Amino acid sequence: MNLEARKLNLINWISSIQEEETLNEVEKIQKEKADWWDKVSRKDKKAIEEGLDQLDRGEYITRDKVRNKIKEKFNL
């Protein structure tokens, strides 16, 4: 069964759920996947936010520049 068929199968199954407990369990799974940011440490959140701010200010280097620095450093 391909990915699209599997998703449709799950959609059909979820739409037919009548038991509150089963639906609660499905919602728990959904929240676990959707709330990943809540599981990130304060330190990591700060680093991510600082990095995004740097990008917004145009403070970044391209992949090519990184590659060239590595080549220079290791004589590649």
PDB file of N, CA and C in Angstrom:
ATOM      1  N   MET A   1       0.848  -1.167   0.000  1.00  0.00           N
ATOM      2  CA  MET A   1       0.000   0.000   0.000  1.00  0.00           C
ATOM      3  C   MET A   1       0.902   1.242   0.000  1.00  0.00           C
ATOM      4  N   ASN A   2       0.639   2.177  -0.931  1.00  0.00           N
ATOM      5  CA  ASN A   2       1.484   3.362  -0.992  1.00  0.00           C
ATOM      6  C   ASN A   2       1.102   4.362   0.103  1.00  0.00           C
ATOM      7  N   LEU A   3       1.896   5.419   0.213  1.00  0.00           N
ATOM      8  CA  LEU A   3       1.719   6.386   1.287  1.00  0.00           C
ATOM      9  C   LEU A   3       0.339   7.044   1.252  1.00  0.00           C
ATOM     10  N   GLU A   4      -0.113   7.447   0.080  1.00  0.00           N
ATOM     11  CA  GLU A   4      -1.413   8.104  -0.027  1.00  0.00           C
ATOM     12  C   GLU A   4      -2.552   7.169   0.391  1.00  0.00           C
ATOM     13  N   ALA A   5      -2.473   5.930  -0.013  1.00  0.00           N
ATOM     14  CA  ALA A   5      -3.503   4.958   0.347  1.00  0.00           C
ATOM     15  C   ALA A   5      -3.499   4.716   1.858  1.00  0.00           C
ATOM     16  N   ARG A   6      -2.320   4.675   2.452  1.00  0.00           N
ATOM     17  CA  ARG A   6      -2.222   4.481   3.901  1.00  0.00           C
ATOM     18  C   ARG A   6      -2.835   5.662   4.650  1.00  0.00           C
ATOM     19  N   LYS A   7      -2.562   6.887   4.171  1.00  0.00           N
ATOM     20  CA  LYS A   7      -3.130   8.068   4.815  1.00  0.00           C
ATOM     21  C   LYS A   7      -4.654   8.072   4.711  1.00  0.00           C
ATOM     22  N   LEU A   8      -5.166   7.733   3.539  1.00  0.00           N
ATOM     23  CA  LEU A   8      -6.619   7.670   3.373  1.00  0.00           C
ATOM     24  C   LEU A   8      -7.230   6.613   4.283  1.00  0.00           C
ATOM     25  N   ASN A   9      -6.552   5.497   4.406  1.00  0.00           N
ATOM     26  CA  ASN A   9      -7.020   4.436   5.294  1.00  0.00           C
ATOM     27  C   ASN A   9      -7.108   4.945   6.738  1.00  0.00           C
ATOM     28  N   LEU A  10      -6.079   5.682   7.186  1.00  0.00           N
ATOM     29  CA  LEU A  10      -6.099   6.241   8.544  1.00  0.00           C
ATOM     30  C   LEU A  10      -7.189   7.293   8.708  1.00  0.00           C
ATOM     31  N   ILE A  11      -7.368   8.150   7.696  1.00  0.00           N
ATOM     32  CA  ILE A  11      -8.419   9.163   7.756  1.00  0.00           C
ATOM     33  C   ILE A  11      -9.782   8.503   7.903  1.00  0.00           C
ATOM     34  N   ASN A  12     -10.015   7.487   7.103  1.00  0.00           N
ATOM     35  CA  ASN A  12     -11.298   6.769   7.183  1.00  0.00           C
ATOM     36  C   ASN A  12     -11.493   6.134   8.556  1.00  0.00           C
ATOM     37  N   TRP A  13     -10.441   5.541   9.072  1.00  0.00           N
ATOM     38  CA  TRP A  13     -10.539   4.908  10.388  1.00  0.00           C
ATOM     39  C   TRP A  13     -10.806   5.946  11.469  1.00  0.00           C
ATOM     40  N   ILE A  14     -10.055   7.062  11.459  1.00  0.00           N
ATOM     41  CA  ILE A  14     -10.239   8.101  12.472  1.00  0.00           C
ATOM     42  C   ILE A  14     -11.655   8.672  12.412  1.00  0.00           C
ATOM     43  N   SER A  15     -12.166   8.879  11.197  1.00  0.00           N
ATOM     44  CA  SER A  15     -13.509   9.450  11.079  1.00  0.00           C
ATOM     45  C   SER A  15     -14.590   8.503  11.587  1.00  0.00           C
ATOM     46  N   SER A  16     -14.261   7.231  11.722  1.00  0.00           N
ATOM     47  CA  SER A  16     -15.263   6.279  12.203  1.00  0.00           C
ATOM     48  C   SER A  16     -15.149   5.980  13.698  1.00  0.00           C
ATOM     49  N   ILE A  17     -14.177   6.569  14.381  1.00  0.00           N
ATOM     50  CA  ILE A  17     -13.985   6.310  15.809  1.00  0.00           C
ATOM     51  C   ILE A  17     -15.196   6.817  16.596  1.00  0.00           C
ATOM     52  N   GLN A  18     -15.716   5.963  17.440  1.00  0.00           N
ATOM     53  CA  GLN A  18     -16.861   6.320  18.283  1.00  0.00           C
ATOM     54  C   GLN A  18     -16.486   6.368  19.771  1.00  0.00           C
ATOM     55  N   GLU A  19     -15.382   5.745  20.124  1.00  0.00           N
ATOM     56  CA  GLU A  19     -14.987   5.659  21.529  1.00  0.00           C
ATOM     57  C   GLU A  19     -14.150   6.885  21.909  1.00  0.00           C
ATOM     58  N   GLU A  20     -14.570   7.548  22.971  1.00  0.00           N
ATOM     59  CA  GLU A  20     -13.877   8.740  23.465  1.00  0.00           C
ATOM     60  C   GLU A  20     -12.428   8.423  23.834  1.00  0.00           C
ATOM     61  N   GLU A  21     -12.210   7.292  24.474  1.00  0.00           N
ATOM     62  CA  GLU A  21     -10.865   6.914  24.919  1.00  0.00           C
ATOM     63  C   GLU A  21      -9.918   6.732  23.732  1.00  0.00           C
ATOM     64  N   THR A  22     -10.398   6.095  22.682  1.00  0.00           N
ATOM     65  CA  THR A  22      -9.569   5.890  21.494  1.00  0.00           C
ATOM     66  C   THR A  22      -9.234   7.231  20.847  1.00  0.00           C
ATOM     67  N   LEU A  23     -10.206   8.099  20.743  1.00  0.00           N
ATOM     68  CA  LEU A  23      -9.980   9.416  20.161  1.00  0.00           C
ATOM     69  C   LEU A  23      -8.993  10.221  21.002  1.00  0.00           C
ATOM     70  N   ASN A  24      -9.082  10.104  22.315  1.00  0.00           N
ATOM     71  CA  ASN A  24      -8.126  10.776  23.193  1.00  0.00           C
ATOM     72  C   ASN A  24      -6.704  10.299  22.932  1.00  0.00           C
ATOM     73  N   GLU A  25      -6.529   9.010  22.725  1.00  0.00           N
ATOM     74  CA  GLU A  25      -5.200   8.467  22.449  1.00  0.00           C
ATOM     75  C   GLU A  25      -4.653   8.975  21.117  1.00  0.00           C
ATOM     76  N   VAL A  26      -5.500   9.064  20.107  1.00  0.00           N
ATOM     77  CA  VAL A  26      -5.081   9.583  18.806  1.00  0.00           C
ATOM     78  C   VAL A  26      -4.662  11.049  18.950  1.00  0.00           C
ATOM     79  N   GLU A  27      -5.417  11.809  19.740  1.00  0.00           N
ATOM     80  CA  GLU A  27      -5.076  13.210  19.966  1.00  0.00           C
ATOM     81  C   GLU A  27      -3.759  13.357  20.712  1.00  0.00           C
ATOM     82  N   LYS A  28      -3.463  12.453  21.626  1.00  0.00           N
ATOM     83  CA  LYS A  28      -2.179  12.484  22.331  1.00  0.00           C
ATOM     84  C   LYS A  28      -1.028  12.323  21.343  1.00  0.00           C
ATOM     85  N   ILE A  29      -1.181  11.401  20.417  1.00  0.00           N
ATOM     86  CA  ILE A  29      -0.146  11.189  19.398  1.00  0.00           C
ATOM     87  C   ILE A  29       0.037  12.450  18.570  1.00  0.00           C
ATOM     88  N   GLN A  30      -1.060  13.063  18.184  1.00  0.00           N
ATOM     89  CA  GLN A  30      -0.995  14.290  17.388  1.00  0.00           C
ATOM     90  C   GLN A  30      -0.264  15.390  18.158  1.00  0.00           C
ATOM     91  N   LYS A  31      -0.570  15.564  19.424  1.00  0.00           N
ATOM     92  CA  LYS A  31       0.059  16.609  20.230  1.00  0.00           C
ATOM     93  C   LYS A  31       1.544  16.345  20.432  1.00  0.00           C
ATOM     94  N   GLU A  32       1.920  15.088  20.579  1.00  0.00           N
ATOM     95  CA  GLU A  32       3.335  14.753  20.738  1.00  0.00           C
ATOM     96  C   GLU A  32       4.128  15.216  19.534  1.00  0.00           C
ATOM     97  N   LYS A  33       3.571  15.060  18.354  1.00  0.00           N
ATOM     98  CA  LYS A  33       4.259  15.457  17.126  1.00  0.00           C
ATOM     99  C   LYS A  33       4.193  16.954  16.902  1.00  0.00           C
ATOM    100  N   ALA A  34       3.097  17.593  17.287  1.00  0.00           N
ATOM    101  CA  ALA A  34       2.891  19.007  16.994  1.00  0.00           C
ATOM    102  C   ALA A  34       3.621  19.918  17.989  1.00  0.00           C
ATOM    103  N   ASP A  35       3.867  19.459  19.184  1.00  0.00           N
ATOM    104  CA  ASP A  35       4.431  20.313  20.225  1.00  0.00           C
ATOM    105  C   ASP A  35       5.930  20.075  20.440  1.00  0.00           C
ATOM    106  N   TRP A  36       6.670  19.835  19.398  1.00  0.00           N
ATOM    107  CA  TRP A  36       8.099  19.548  19.533  1.00  0.00           C
ATOM    108  C   TRP A  36       8.837  20.721  20.168  1.00  0.00           C
ATOM    109  N   TRP A  37       8.408  21.944  19.909  1.00  0.00           N
ATOM    110  CA  TRP A  37       9.090  23.127  20.441  1.00  0.00           C
ATOM    111  C   TRP A  37       9.082  23.120  21.968  1.00  0.00           C
ATOM    112  N   ASP A  38       8.020  22.580  22.555  1.00  0.00           N
ATOM    113  CA  ASP A  38       7.931  22.525  24.011  1.00  0.00           C
ATOM    114  C   ASP A  38       8.962  21.575  24.618  1.00  0.00           C
ATOM    115  N   LYS A  39       9.501  20.680  23.812  1.00  0.00           N
ATOM    116  CA  LYS A  39      10.472  19.704  24.310  1.00  0.00           C
ATOM    117  C   LYS A  39      11.916  20.183  24.139  1.00  0.00           C
ATOM    118  N   VAL A  40      12.089  21.323  23.469  1.00  0.00           N
ATOM    119  CA  VAL A  40      13.424  21.869  23.241  1.00  0.00           C
ATOM    120  C   VAL A  40      13.860  22.611  24.499  1.00  0.00           C
ATOM    121  N   SER A  41      15.122  22.426  24.892  1.00  0.00           N
ATOM    122  CA  SER A  41      15.611  23.087  26.101  1.00  0.00           C
ATOM    123  C   SER A  41      15.647  24.605  25.925  1.00  0.00           C
ATOM    124  N   ARG A  42      15.648  25.323  27.036  1.00  0.00           N
ATOM    125  CA  ARG A  42      15.717  26.789  27.000  1.00  0.00           C
ATOM    126  C   ARG A  42      16.969  27.260  26.256  1.00  0.00           C
ATOM    127  N   LYS A  43      18.073  26.590  26.536  1.00  0.00           N
ATOM    128  CA  LYS A  43      19.353  26.946  25.911  1.00  0.00           C
ATOM    129  C   LYS A  43      19.267  26.783  24.391  1.00  0.00           C
ATOM    130  N   ASP A  44      18.695  25.673  23.941  1.00  0.00           N
ATOM    131  CA  ASP A  44      18.580  25.428  22.508  1.00  0.00           C
ATOM    132  C   ASP A  44      17.596  26.400  21.850  1.00  0.00           C
ATOM    133  N   LYS A  45      16.496  26.703  22.550  1.00  0.00           N
ATOM    134  CA  LYS A  45      15.547  27.683  22.013  1.00  0.00           C
ATOM    135  C   LYS A  45      16.223  29.032  21.804  1.00  0.00           C
ATOM    136  N   LYS A  46      17.022  29.430  22.793  1.00  0.00           N
ATOM    137  CA  LYS A  46      17.722  30.710  22.701  1.00  0.00           C
ATOM    138  C   LYS A  46      18.679  30.704  21.515  1.00  0.00           C
ATOM    139  N   ALA A  47      19.405  29.605  21.335  1.00  0.00           N
ATOM    140  CA  ALA A  47      20.343  29.509  20.215  1.00  0.00           C
ATOM    141  C   ALA A  47      19.612  29.565  18.876  1.00  0.00           C
ATOM    142  N   ILE A  48      18.491  28.896  18.790  1.00  0.00           N
ATOM    143  CA  ILE A  48      17.699  28.909  17.552  1.00  0.00           C
ATOM    144  C   ILE A  48      17.193  30.320  17.272  1.00  0.00           C
ATOM    145  N   GLU A  49      16.663  30.971  18.291  1.00  0.00           N
ATOM    146  CA  GLU A  49      16.143  32.324  18.115  1.00  0.00           C
ATOM    147  C   GLU A  49      17.240  33.301  17.730  1.00  0.00           C
ATOM    148  N   GLU A  50      18.424  33.158  18.337  1.00  0.00           N
ATOM    149  CA  GLU A  50      19.555  34.018  17.976  1.00  0.00           C
ATOM    150  C   GLU A  50      19.967  33.777  16.530  1.00  0.00           C
ATOM    151  N   GLY A  51      19.967  32.529  16.126  1.00  0.00           N
ATOM    152  CA  GLY A  51      20.309  32.209  14.742  1.00  0.00           C
ATOM    153  C   GLY A  51      19.315  32.794  13.758  1.00  0.00           C
ATOM    154  N   LEU A  52      18.047  32.725  14.085  1.00  0.00           N
ATOM    155  CA  LEU A  52      17.016  33.309  13.213  1.00  0.00           C
ATOM    156  C   LEU A  52      17.160  34.826  13.139  1.00  0.00           C
ATOM    157  N   ASP A  53      17.480  35.446  14.280  1.00  0.00           N
ATOM    158  CA  ASP A  53      17.710  36.895  14.278  1.00  0.00           C
ATOM    159  C   ASP A  53      18.897  37.249  13.399  1.00  0.00           C
ATOM    160  N   GLN A  54      19.963  36.456  13.469  1.00  0.00           N
ATOM    161  CA  GLN A  54      21.141  36.699  12.626  1.00  0.00           C
ATOM    162  C   GLN A  54      20.771  36.590  11.144  1.00  0.00           C
ATOM    163  N   LEU A  55      19.985  35.589  10.808  1.00  0.00           N
ATOM    164  CA  LEU A  55      19.558  35.451   9.415  1.00  0.00           C
ATOM    165  C   LEU A  55      18.749  36.657   8.965  1.00  0.00           C
ATOM    166  N   ASP A  56      17.849  37.127   9.832  1.00  0.00           N
ATOM    167  CA  ASP A  56      17.037  38.299   9.507  1.00  0.00           C
ATOM    168  C   ASP A  56      17.908  39.530   9.262  1.00  0.00           C
ATOM    169  N   ARG A  57      19.033  39.622   9.980  1.00  0.00           N
ATOM    170  CA  ARG A  57      19.942  40.754   9.809  1.00  0.00           C
ATOM    171  C   ARG A  57      20.922  40.543   8.649  1.00  0.00           C
ATOM    172  N   GLY A  58      20.836  39.385   7.991  1.00  0.00           N
ATOM    173  CA  GLY A  58      21.744  39.095   6.880  1.00  0.00           C
ATOM    174  C   GLY A  58      23.117  38.627   7.328  1.00  0.00           C
ATOM    175  N   GLU A  59      23.219  38.210   8.574  1.00  0.00           N
ATOM    176  CA  GLU A  59      24.500  37.756   9.128  1.00  0.00           C
ATOM    177  C   GLU A  59      24.625  36.240   8.976  1.00  0.00           C
ATOM    178  N   TYR A  60      25.129  35.831   7.842  1.00  0.00           N
ATOM    179  CA  TYR A  60      25.319  34.406   7.591  1.00  0.00           C
ATOM    180  C   TYR A  60      26.388  34.240   6.528  1.00  0.00           C
ATOM    181  N   ILE A  61      26.883  33.018   6.407  1.00  0.00           N
ATOM    182  CA  ILE A  61      27.819  32.716   5.328  1.00  0.00           C
ATOM    183  C   ILE A  61      27.236  31.584   4.498  1.00  0.00           C
ATOM    184  N   THR A  62      27.560  31.610   3.233  1.00  0.00           N
ATOM    185  CA  THR A  62      27.004  30.611   2.325  1.00  0.00           C
ATOM    186  C   THR A  62      27.713  29.274   2.484  1.00  0.00           C
ATOM    187  N   ARG A  63      27.090  28.254   1.943  1.00  0.00           N
ATOM    188  CA  ARG A  63      27.677  26.919   1.968  1.00  0.00           C
ATOM    189  C   ARG A  63      29.002  26.897   1.223  1.00  0.00           C
ATOM    190  N   ASP A  64      29.084  27.631   0.127  1.00  0.00           N
ATOM    191  CA  ASP A  64      30.331  27.681  -0.641  1.00  0.00           C
ATOM    192  C   ASP A  64      31.468  28.285   0.179  1.00  0.00           C
ATOM    193  N   LYS A  65      31.168  29.336   0.951  1.00  0.00           N
ATOM    194  CA  LYS A  65      32.202  29.945   1.790  1.00  0.00           C
ATOM    195  C   LYS A  65      32.657  28.977   2.875  1.00  0.00           C
ATOM    196  N   VAL A  66      31.711  28.248   3.451  1.00  0.00           N
ATOM    197  CA  VAL A  66      32.068  27.256   4.471  1.00  0.00           C
ATOM    198  C   VAL A  66      32.957  26.182   3.856  1.00  0.00           C
ATOM    199  N   ARG A  67      32.565  25.697   2.691  1.00  0.00           N
ATOM    200  CA  ARG A  67      33.330  24.667   1.997  1.00  0.00           C
ATOM    201  C   ARG A  67      34.748  25.152   1.716  1.00  0.00           C
ATOM    202  N   ASN A  68      34.877  26.397   1.252  1.00  0.00           N
ATOM    203  CA  ASN A  68      36.208  26.940   0.951  1.00  0.00           C
ATOM    204  C   ASN A  68      37.054  27.088   2.207  1.00  0.00           C
ATOM    205  N   LYS A  69      36.451  27.497   3.326  1.00  0.00           N
ATOM    206  CA  LYS A  69      37.191  27.610   4.586  1.00  0.00           C
ATOM    207  C   LYS A  69      37.711  26.240   5.033  1.00  0.00           C
ATOM    208  N   ILE A  70      36.886  25.223   4.877  1.00  0.00           N
ATOM    209  CA  ILE A  70      37.302  23.860   5.251  1.00  0.00           C
ATOM    210  C   ILE A  70      38.443  23.398   4.361  1.00  0.00           C
ATOM    211  N   LYS A  71      38.331  23.644   3.070  1.00  0.00           N
ATOM    212  CA  LYS A  71      39.399  23.273   2.141  1.00  0.00           C
ATOM    213  C   LYS A  71      40.706  23.954   2.503  1.00  0.00           C
ATOM    214  N   GLU A  72      40.646  25.242   2.821  1.00  0.00           N
ATOM    215  CA  GLU A  72      41.853  25.980   3.208  1.00  0.00           C
ATOM    216  C   GLU A  72      42.437  25.451   4.497  1.00  0.00           C
ATOM    217  N   LYS A  73      41.582  25.219   5.478  1.00  0.00           N
ATOM    218  CA  LYS A  73      42.056  24.777   6.789  1.00  0.00           C
ATOM    219  C   LYS A  73      42.730  23.411   6.736  1.00  0.00           C
ATOM    220  N   PHE A  74      42.174  22.498   5.925  1.00  0.00           N
ATOM    221  CA  PHE A  74      42.681  21.127   5.891  1.00  0.00           C
ATOM    222  C   PHE A  74      43.472  20.827   4.627  1.00  0.00           C
ATOM    223  N   ASN A  75      43.818  21.876   3.876  1.00  0.00           N
ATOM    224  CA  ASN A  75      44.612  21.724   2.650  1.00  0.00           C
ATOM    225  C   ASN A  75      44.013  20.692   1.690  1.00  0.00           C
ATOM    226  N   LEU A  76      42.744  20.796   1.439  1.00  0.00           N
ATOM    227  CA  LEU A  76      42.071  19.850   0.547  1.00  0.00           C
ATOM    228  C   LEU A  76      42.054  20.361  -0.879  1.00  0.00           C
TER     229      LEU A  76
END
